[in-house]
Amino acid sequence: MTNKELIESIKKKTGFSKVKVERLLMAYVKTFDQFLDEDSTISLKGFGTFEPNEKQERKVYNPRTRQYKVVPKKRTVKFKPSVVLKNVFKG
């Protein structure tokens, strides 16, 4: 699903204008970014939990060149789905 498709779907379900939905979605994304940047965990009841994570620097082997390469540490986000969301996909 693209941003346009998401905005259109929310617009149909809420009756809000496309501009209003787009502003709300962008504010939502910026808020997520801000909280995750501050190392805060975000929990959405019935959906899941987003948690900042830091991957450590590591060595990887390239079999083609037969050399090791260092992958620098980086920040990522872990997502743990809620029980409700897991049950949706159990079928």
N, C-alpha and C. Protein backbone atom coordinates (compact mmCIF):
# COMPACT_ATOMS: atom_id res chain seq x y z
N MET A 1 0.85 -1.18 0.00
CA MET A 1 0.00 0.00 0.00
C MET A 1 0.89 1.23 0.00
N THR A 2 0.60 2.16 -0.87
CA THR A 2 1.35 3.41 -0.95
C THR A 2 0.70 4.47 -0.06
N ASN A 3 1.41 5.59 0.12
CA ASN A 3 0.83 6.70 0.89
C ASN A 3 -0.48 7.17 0.29
N LYS A 4 -0.51 7.28 -1.05
CA LYS A 4 -1.73 7.74 -1.72
C LYS A 4 -2.89 6.80 -1.44
N GLU A 5 -2.64 5.51 -1.52
CA GLU A 5 -3.69 4.52 -1.26
C GLU A 5 -4.16 4.58 0.20
N LEU A 6 -3.21 4.74 1.12
CA LEU A 6 -3.56 4.84 2.53
C LEU A 6 -4.40 6.09 2.80
N ILE A 7 -3.98 7.20 2.25
CA ILE A 7 -4.71 8.46 2.42
C ILE A 7 -6.12 8.33 1.86
N GLU A 8 -6.25 7.75 0.70
CA GLU A 8 -7.57 7.57 0.07
C GLU A 8 -8.47 6.66 0.92
N SER A 9 -7.89 5.60 1.47
CA SER A 9 -8.66 4.67 2.30
C SER A 9 -9.15 5.35 3.59
N ILE A 10 -8.27 6.11 4.23
CA ILE A 10 -8.65 6.83 5.45
C ILE A 10 -9.70 7.88 5.13
N LYS A 11 -9.54 8.55 4.01
CA LYS A 11 -10.49 9.57 3.58
C LYS A 11 -11.90 8.98 3.44
N LYS A 12 -11.98 7.82 2.81
CA LYS A 12 -13.28 7.17 2.62
C LYS A 12 -13.91 6.74 3.95
N LYS A 13 -13.07 6.29 4.88
CA LYS A 13 -13.58 5.79 6.16
C LYS A 13 -13.96 6.90 7.13
N THR A 14 -13.31 8.06 7.02
CA THR A 14 -13.56 9.13 7.97
C THR A 14 -14.42 10.26 7.43
N GLY A 15 -14.40 10.43 6.10
CA GLY A 15 -15.13 11.55 5.51
C GLY A 15 -14.34 12.85 5.55
N PHE A 16 -13.09 12.80 6.05
CA PHE A 16 -12.23 13.99 6.07
C PHE A 16 -11.75 14.28 4.65
N SER A 17 -11.30 15.52 4.44
CA SER A 17 -10.75 15.88 3.14
C SER A 17 -9.38 15.21 2.96
N LYS A 18 -8.98 15.10 1.71
CA LYS A 18 -7.69 14.48 1.40
C LYS A 18 -6.54 15.27 2.03
N VAL A 19 -6.63 16.58 2.01
CA VAL A 19 -5.58 17.44 2.59
C VAL A 19 -5.48 17.22 4.10
N LYS A 20 -6.63 17.14 4.76
CA LYS A 20 -6.65 16.95 6.21
C LYS A 20 -6.05 15.58 6.58
N VAL A 21 -6.42 14.55 5.85
CA VAL A 21 -5.90 13.21 6.11
C VAL A 21 -4.39 13.17 5.90
N GLU A 22 -3.93 13.82 4.83
CA GLU A 22 -2.50 13.84 4.55
C GLU A 22 -1.73 14.56 5.65
N ARG A 23 -2.26 15.67 6.14
CA ARG A 23 -1.62 16.41 7.25
C ARG A 23 -1.57 15.56 8.51
N LEU A 24 -2.67 14.87 8.81
CA LEU A 24 -2.71 14.01 9.99
C LEU A 24 -1.69 12.87 9.88
N LEU A 25 -1.62 12.26 8.72
CA LEU A 25 -0.69 11.16 8.51
C LEU A 25 0.76 11.63 8.64
N MET A 26 1.09 12.78 8.06
CA MET A 26 2.45 13.31 8.16
C MET A 26 2.80 13.68 9.60
N ALA A 27 1.83 14.24 10.34
CA ALA A 27 2.06 14.57 11.75
C ALA A 27 2.30 13.28 12.55
N TYR A 28 1.56 12.24 12.22
CA TYR A 28 1.69 10.94 12.89
C TYR A 28 3.10 10.37 12.65
N VAL A 29 3.55 10.43 11.40
CA VAL A 29 4.88 9.90 11.06
C VAL A 29 5.97 10.71 11.75
N LYS A 30 5.86 12.02 11.75
CA LYS A 30 6.86 12.87 12.40
C LYS A 30 6.91 12.63 13.90
N THR A 31 5.74 12.40 14.50
CA THR A 31 5.68 12.11 15.94
C THR A 31 6.37 10.78 16.24
N PHE A 32 6.12 9.77 15.40
CA PHE A 32 6.79 8.48 15.55
C PHE A 32 8.30 8.67 15.49
N ASP A 33 8.77 9.38 14.46
CA ASP A 33 10.21 9.63 14.30
C ASP A 33 10.80 10.29 15.54
N GLN A 34 10.11 11.29 16.06
CA GLN A 34 10.58 12.04 17.22
C GLN A 34 10.72 11.13 18.44
N PHE A 35 9.68 10.35 18.72
CA PHE A 35 9.71 9.48 19.89
C PHE A 35 10.76 8.38 19.76
N LEU A 36 10.89 7.79 18.59
CA LEU A 36 11.89 6.74 18.39
C LEU A 36 13.29 7.32 18.45
N ASP A 37 13.47 8.55 17.99
CA ASP A 37 14.76 9.21 18.06
C ASP A 37 15.17 9.47 19.51
N GLU A 38 14.18 9.64 20.38
CA GLU A 38 14.43 9.87 21.81
C GLU A 38 14.52 8.56 22.58
N ASP A 39 14.63 7.43 21.87
CA ASP A 39 14.71 6.10 22.47
C ASP A 39 13.47 5.72 23.27
N SER A 40 12.33 6.25 22.87
CA SER A 40 11.06 5.89 23.51
C SER A 40 10.42 4.73 22.77
N THR A 41 9.69 3.91 23.51
CA THR A 41 8.95 2.80 22.92
C THR A 41 7.53 3.27 22.65
N ILE A 42 6.98 2.88 21.50
CA ILE A 42 5.63 3.28 21.13
C ILE A 42 4.76 2.03 21.09
N SER A 43 3.70 2.01 21.90
CA SER A 43 2.77 0.88 21.93
C SER A 43 1.41 1.32 21.43
N LEU A 44 0.89 0.59 20.45
CA LEU A 44 -0.43 0.86 19.91
C LEU A 44 -1.31 -0.34 20.23
N LYS A 45 -2.26 -0.16 21.11
CA LYS A 45 -3.11 -1.25 21.56
C LYS A 45 -3.82 -1.90 20.36
N GLY A 46 -3.74 -3.21 20.27
CA GLY A 46 -4.37 -3.94 19.19
C GLY A 46 -3.54 -3.99 17.92
N PHE A 47 -2.39 -3.32 17.91
CA PHE A 47 -1.55 -3.31 16.72
C PHE A 47 -0.17 -3.88 17.03
N GLY A 48 0.57 -3.21 17.92
CA GLY A 48 1.90 -3.70 18.27
C GLY A 48 2.76 -2.65 18.93
N THR A 49 4.04 -3.00 19.12
CA THR A 49 4.99 -2.14 19.80
C THR A 49 6.19 -1.88 18.91
N PHE A 50 6.58 -0.61 18.80
CA PHE A 50 7.77 -0.20 18.08
C PHE A 50 8.82 0.17 19.11
N GLU A 51 10.01 -0.40 18.96
CA GLU A 51 11.06 -0.16 19.93
C GLU A 51 12.38 0.13 19.21
N PRO A 52 13.07 1.22 19.60
CA PRO A 52 14.36 1.52 18.97
C PRO A 52 15.38 0.44 19.33
N ASN A 53 16.26 0.15 18.39
CA ASN A 53 17.26 -0.89 18.59
C ASN A 53 18.55 -0.44 17.94
N GLU A 54 19.67 -0.81 18.55
CA GLU A 54 20.96 -0.45 17.98
C GLU A 54 21.73 -1.73 17.65
N LYS A 55 22.07 -1.90 16.37
CA LYS A 55 22.84 -3.06 15.94
C LYS A 55 24.32 -2.71 16.06
N GLN A 56 25.08 -3.61 16.63
CA GLN A 56 26.50 -3.38 16.85
C GLN A 56 27.30 -3.57 15.55
N GLU A 57 28.48 -2.99 15.54
CA GLU A 57 29.39 -3.16 14.42
C GLU A 57 29.75 -4.64 14.31
N ARG A 58 29.87 -5.15 13.06
CA ARG A 58 30.20 -6.57 12.91
C ARG A 58 31.00 -6.78 11.63
N LYS A 59 31.69 -7.93 11.59
CA LYS A 59 32.45 -8.30 10.41
C LYS A 59 31.61 -9.27 9.59
N VAL A 60 31.62 -9.07 8.27
CA VAL A 60 30.93 -9.99 7.37
C VAL A 60 31.93 -10.45 6.31
N TYR A 61 31.70 -11.64 5.81
CA TYR A 61 32.60 -12.23 4.82
C TYR A 61 31.95 -12.21 3.45
N ASN A 62 32.69 -11.74 2.46
CA ASN A 62 32.22 -11.74 1.08
C ASN A 62 32.90 -12.91 0.37
N PRO A 63 32.15 -13.98 0.07
CA PRO A 63 32.77 -15.16 -0.54
C PRO A 63 33.30 -14.90 -1.96
N ARG A 64 32.72 -13.92 -2.64
CA ARG A 64 33.16 -13.61 -4.00
C ARG A 64 34.58 -13.02 -3.99
N THR A 65 34.83 -12.05 -3.09
CA THR A 65 36.14 -11.41 -3.02
C THR A 65 37.05 -12.07 -1.99
N ARG A 66 36.47 -12.94 -1.17
CA ARG A 66 37.20 -13.64 -0.10
C ARG A 66 37.83 -12.66 0.88
N GLN A 67 37.09 -11.61 1.16
CA GLN A 67 37.57 -10.60 2.11
C GLN A 67 36.50 -10.33 3.15
N TYR A 68 36.97 -9.87 4.30
CA TYR A 68 36.05 -9.45 5.36
C TYR A 68 35.80 -7.96 5.23
N LYS A 69 34.62 -7.58 5.61
CA LYS A 69 34.23 -6.17 5.56
C LYS A 69 33.58 -5.84 6.89
N VAL A 70 33.81 -4.64 7.37
CA VAL A 70 33.20 -4.20 8.62
C VAL A 70 31.92 -3.44 8.31
N VAL A 71 30.82 -3.89 8.89
CA VAL A 71 29.54 -3.20 8.75
C VAL A 71 29.40 -2.33 10.00
N PRO A 72 29.30 -1.02 9.84
CA PRO A 72 29.23 -0.14 11.01
C PRO A 72 27.94 -0.33 11.79
N LYS A 73 27.97 0.09 13.07
CA LYS A 73 26.75 -0.02 13.87
C LYS A 73 25.70 0.94 13.32
N LYS A 74 24.43 0.57 13.54
CA LYS A 74 23.36 1.43 13.06
C LYS A 74 22.13 1.28 13.95
N ARG A 75 21.27 2.27 13.88
CA ARG A 75 20.03 2.27 14.64
C ARG A 75 18.91 1.72 13.77
N THR A 76 18.09 0.87 14.35
CA THR A 76 16.95 0.31 13.64
C THR A 76 15.74 0.35 14.58
N VAL A 77 14.62 -0.14 14.09
CA VAL A 77 13.40 -0.22 14.89
C VAL A 77 12.91 -1.66 14.88
N LYS A 78 12.62 -2.18 16.07
CA LYS A 78 12.02 -3.51 16.19
C LYS A 78 10.52 -3.34 16.28
N PHE A 79 9.78 -4.25 15.65
CA PHE A 79 8.32 -4.23 15.75
C PHE A 79 7.86 -5.57 16.29
N LYS A 80 7.06 -5.52 17.35
CA LYS A 80 6.48 -6.73 17.92
C LYS A 80 4.96 -6.61 17.79
N PRO A 81 4.35 -7.46 16.95
CA PRO A 81 2.90 -7.36 16.77
C PRO A 81 2.15 -7.77 18.02
N SER A 82 0.97 -7.18 18.20
CA SER A 82 0.14 -7.54 19.35
C SER A 82 -0.51 -8.89 19.10
N VAL A 83 -1.09 -9.47 20.13
CA VAL A 83 -1.79 -10.74 20.02
C VAL A 83 -2.95 -10.61 19.04
N VAL A 84 -3.64 -9.48 19.07
CA VAL A 84 -4.77 -9.24 18.17
C VAL A 84 -4.30 -9.30 16.72
N LEU A 85 -3.20 -8.62 16.41
CA LEU A 85 -2.68 -8.60 15.04
C LEU A 85 -2.19 -9.98 14.62
N LYS A 86 -1.55 -10.71 15.54
CA LYS A 86 -1.09 -12.06 15.23
C LYS A 86 -2.27 -12.96 14.88
N ASN A 87 -3.38 -12.81 15.60
CA ASN A 87 -4.56 -13.64 15.36
C ASN A 87 -5.21 -13.34 14.01
N VAL A 88 -5.06 -12.14 13.51
CA VAL A 88 -5.61 -11.80 12.19
C VAL A 88 -4.97 -12.66 11.11
N PHE A 89 -3.68 -12.96 11.26
CA PHE A 89 -2.95 -13.70 10.23
C PHE A 89 -2.94 -15.21 10.46
N LYS A 90 -3.50 -15.67 11.57
CA LYS A 90 -3.55 -17.11 11.81
C LYS A 90 -4.57 -17.80 10.92
N GLY A 91 -5.63 -17.08 10.62
CA GLY A 91 -6.65 -17.60 9.71
C GLY A 91 -7.52 -18.57 10.31
